[in-house]
Amino acid sequence: MTPLRLSFVQTFFEPFPYVLSLESLELDVSYRVLAWFESGAPWRLVETDFYEQFEFSLLDAQLPPELTFLQTPDFLTTVRSRVADLFGAALGERVDVTAHRLIPGQRIRLHNDFIARAETHRLLIQLNRDWKDENGGFLLFFKSSDPSDTPKVFRPVHNSALGFAITPESYHAVSTLYTGERFTLVYSFYG
């Protein structure tokens, strides 16, 4: 039995293909992952030209015994198969898993991760305690590279998931975080 849920999934095609789920993991598992992210995860600061955030690879990390399933081939295959089904896509064996953490003042600027023959899909699992709109840190989807476009806005509600296709049109960003910490479990898939 897997703790992956991805239930109540809705599918959308604008501004690019994505799916939204109100439940990603069993609830008690989601809170165990969040507690580890808040207290003992091996965060390291990463700075690029379009973001500054804390992150680490779950595939290389020492996880608490009750969370090691997150890096097992069986669980990664289950996640990959579910995402492939949701998008009707053929996904290769490779799956990367990273954790992201934003603190107040950090954001991810408008960008597109498309690289030919590289990552094709991504699944974001939000793990955030008692999220409020005044925290900021909204995920934004844009119709183009123009930041004045009106974006689709997604709250990082705890245990929700959002998957999207990485295409030349998949422009996205995360608005500035004002209070609290924002945690995301990120699964990357390849063709």
Protein backbone atom coordinates (compact mmCIF):
# COMPACT_ATOMS: atom_id res chain seq x y z
CA MET A 1 0.00 0.00 0.00
CA THR A 2 1.43 3.38 -1.01
CA PRO A 3 1.03 6.68 0.88
CA LEU A 4 0.61 8.44 -2.49
CA ARG A 5 -2.96 9.65 -2.97
CA LEU A 6 -3.26 12.21 -5.81
CA SER A 7 -7.01 12.14 -5.43
CA PHE A 8 -9.72 14.55 -6.61
CA VAL A 9 -7.53 15.42 -9.60
CA GLN A 10 -8.64 18.13 -12.01
CA THR A 11 -7.02 18.56 -15.44
CA PHE A 12 -6.47 21.92 -17.19
CA PHE A 13 -4.90 22.99 -20.48
CA GLU A 14 -4.49 26.78 -20.14
CA PRO A 15 -2.04 28.45 -20.03
CA PHE A 16 -0.31 25.05 -20.47
CA PRO A 17 -1.23 21.49 -19.42
CA TYR A 18 -1.44 20.95 -15.66
CA VAL A 19 -3.24 18.87 -13.06
CA LEU A 20 -4.34 19.85 -9.58
CA SER A 21 -5.02 17.53 -6.64
CA LEU A 22 -6.36 18.44 -3.22
CA GLU A 23 -4.67 15.44 -1.60
CA SER A 24 -1.19 14.23 -2.49
CA LEU A 25 -0.09 11.97 0.38
CA GLU A 26 -1.76 10.27 3.31
CA LEU A 27 -2.33 13.14 5.74
CA ASP A 28 -0.25 11.74 8.62
CA VAL A 29 2.64 11.10 6.19
CA SER A 30 2.45 14.66 4.87
CA TYR A 31 2.80 16.03 8.41
CA ARG A 32 5.75 13.73 9.15
CA VAL A 33 7.54 15.01 6.04
CA LEU A 34 6.72 18.60 7.01
CA ALA A 35 8.01 18.11 10.57
CA TRP A 36 11.30 16.80 9.18
CA PHE A 37 11.53 19.73 6.75
CA GLU A 38 10.98 22.14 9.66
CA SER A 39 13.47 20.57 12.05
CA GLY A 40 16.09 18.25 10.61
CA ALA A 41 16.38 18.34 6.82
CA PRO A 42 19.82 19.14 5.32
CA TRP A 43 18.95 22.47 3.67
CA ARG A 44 21.55 24.38 1.67
CA LEU A 45 21.18 27.82 0.16
CA VAL A 46 21.21 27.94 -3.65
CA GLU A 47 21.35 31.23 -5.57
CA THR A 48 20.88 31.65 -9.32
CA ASP A 49 19.98 34.55 -11.59
CA PHE A 50 16.24 34.03 -11.04
CA TYR A 51 15.89 32.56 -7.54
CA GLU A 52 17.36 32.21 -4.09
CA GLN A 53 16.08 29.29 -2.02
CA PHE A 54 17.13 26.45 0.23
CA GLU A 55 17.06 22.98 -1.31
CA PHE A 56 18.47 19.46 -1.31
CA SER A 57 18.08 16.20 -3.23
CA LEU A 58 16.09 13.52 -1.43
CA LEU A 59 17.92 10.88 -3.45
CA ASP A 60 21.23 11.84 -1.79
CA ALA A 61 19.97 12.69 1.70
CA GLN A 62 19.83 10.62 4.88
CA LEU A 63 16.09 10.48 5.60
CA PRO A 64 14.48 9.54 8.91
CA PRO A 65 13.61 5.81 8.89
CA GLU A 66 9.86 6.45 8.58
CA LEU A 67 10.42 8.58 5.43
CA THR A 68 12.92 6.45 3.49
CA PHE A 69 10.04 5.26 1.27
CA LEU A 70 10.30 8.67 -0.48
CA GLN A 71 13.53 7.55 -2.15
CA THR A 72 12.75 3.90 -2.88
CA PRO A 73 12.51 2.70 -6.49
CA ASP A 74 9.02 1.28 -5.82
CA PHE A 75 7.63 4.61 -4.60
CA LEU A 76 9.32 6.58 -7.39
CA THR A 77 7.89 4.15 -9.95
CA THR A 78 4.42 4.59 -8.44
CA VAL A 79 4.67 8.39 -8.62
CA ARG A 80 6.05 8.26 -12.18
CA SER A 81 3.29 5.89 -13.32
CA ARG A 82 0.57 8.05 -11.78
CA VAL A 83 1.92 11.24 -13.39
CA ALA A 84 2.28 9.45 -16.75
CA ASP A 85 -1.37 8.35 -16.50
CA LEU A 86 -2.57 11.83 -15.55
CA PHE A 87 -0.85 13.40 -18.56
CA GLY A 88 -1.19 10.50 -20.98
CA ALA A 89 2.58 10.71 -21.42
CA ALA A 90 5.38 8.19 -21.77
CA LEU A 91 7.92 8.98 -19.06
CA GLY A 92 11.41 7.53 -18.84
CA GLU A 93 12.86 5.72 -15.83
CA ARG A 94 14.68 8.77 -14.46
CA VAL A 95 12.98 10.61 -11.57
CA ASP A 96 14.65 13.39 -9.58
CA VAL A 97 13.28 14.38 -6.16
CA THR A 98 14.23 17.63 -4.46
CA ALA A 99 12.90 19.61 -1.55
CA HIS A 100 12.58 23.41 -1.73
CA ARG A 101 12.29 25.88 1.13
CA LEU A 102 11.60 29.61 0.86
CA ILE A 103 11.98 32.02 3.76
CA PRO A 104 10.69 35.61 4.01
CA GLY A 105 12.02 37.85 1.25
CA GLN A 106 12.71 35.00 -1.16
CA ARG A 107 10.88 34.39 -4.43
CA ILE A 108 11.31 32.61 -7.75
CA ARG A 109 11.18 34.98 -10.69
CA LEU A 110 9.31 34.31 -13.92
CA HIS A 111 11.06 31.59 -15.91
CA ASN A 112 10.64 28.56 -18.11
CA ASP A 113 12.50 25.29 -17.44
CA PHE A 114 12.15 23.93 -20.97
CA ILE A 115 15.28 22.33 -22.42
CA ALA A 116 14.86 20.09 -25.47
CA ARG A 117 15.20 16.36 -24.64
CA ALA A 118 15.36 17.02 -20.89
CA GLU A 119 12.71 17.30 -18.15
CA THR A 120 9.18 16.91 -19.53
CA HIS A 121 6.92 16.99 -16.45
CA ARG A 122 7.04 18.09 -12.83
CA LEU A 123 4.95 17.32 -9.76
CA LEU A 124 4.92 19.77 -6.84
CA ILE A 125 3.66 18.60 -3.46
CA GLN A 126 3.01 21.49 -1.07
CA LEU A 127 3.81 20.92 2.60
CA ASN A 128 2.94 24.07 4.54
CA ARG A 129 1.52 24.51 8.01
CA ASP A 130 -1.60 26.71 8.44
CA TRP A 131 -1.09 28.66 5.22
CA LYS A 132 -2.60 32.14 4.99
CA ASP A 133 -2.79 34.41 1.93
CA GLU A 134 -0.84 37.15 3.73
CA ASN A 135 2.18 34.80 3.79
CA GLY A 136 2.68 35.36 0.05
CA GLY A 137 4.57 32.63 -1.78
CA PHE A 138 1.90 31.92 -4.40
CA LEU A 139 2.71 29.73 -7.41
CA LEU A 140 1.98 31.69 -10.60
CA PHE A 141 1.41 30.37 -14.14
CA PHE A 142 1.76 32.84 -17.04
CA LYS A 143 0.64 32.79 -20.68
CA SER A 144 4.01 34.16 -21.83
CA SER A 145 7.34 35.52 -20.64
CA ASP A 146 5.69 38.91 -20.06
CA PRO A 147 5.39 39.51 -16.29
CA SER A 148 2.48 41.92 -16.92
CA ASP A 149 0.32 39.00 -18.09
CA THR A 150 -2.36 38.18 -15.57
CA PRO A 151 -1.21 34.92 -14.00
CA LYS A 152 -3.17 31.94 -12.70
CA VAL A 153 -2.55 31.96 -8.94
CA PHE A 154 -2.23 28.85 -6.76
CA ARG A 155 -2.10 28.83 -2.97
CA PRO A 156 0.50 26.44 -1.49
CA VAL A 157 -2.12 24.64 0.59
CA HIS A 158 -0.78 21.81 2.71
CA ASN A 159 -0.81 18.40 1.05
CA SER A 160 -2.06 19.69 -2.29
CA ALA A 161 -0.24 18.77 -5.49
CA LEU A 162 0.16 20.43 -8.83
CA GLY A 163 1.72 18.71 -11.83
CA PHE A 164 2.58 20.40 -15.09
CA ALA A 165 4.13 19.75 -18.45
CA ILE A 166 7.48 21.43 -19.09
CA THR A 167 6.96 23.05 -22.50
CA PRO A 168 8.23 26.17 -24.29
CA GLU A 169 5.03 27.84 -22.96
CA SER A 170 5.26 26.79 -19.30
CA TYR A 171 6.24 30.11 -17.75
CA HIS A 172 5.89 30.14 -13.98
CA ALA A 173 7.08 31.90 -10.83
CA VAL A 174 6.58 32.03 -7.07
CA SER A 175 5.65 35.39 -5.55
CA THR A 176 7.65 36.86 -2.67
CA LEU A 177 7.24 35.08 0.64
CA TYR A 178 6.42 37.57 3.42
CA THR A 179 6.01 35.41 6.52
CA GLY A 180 6.56 31.81 7.54
CA GLU A 181 8.38 29.15 5.55
CA ARG A 182 7.21 27.59 2.28
CA PHE A 183 8.09 23.93 1.62
CA THR A 184 7.67 21.97 -1.61
CA LEU A 185 8.53 18.41 -2.56
CA VAL A 186 9.47 18.45 -6.26
CA TYR A 187 9.40 15.39 -8.54
CA SER A 188 10.97 15.85 -11.99
CA PHE A 189 10.29 13.44 -14.86
CA TYR A 190 12.02 12.93 -18.19
CA GLY A 191 10.94 11.61 -21.57
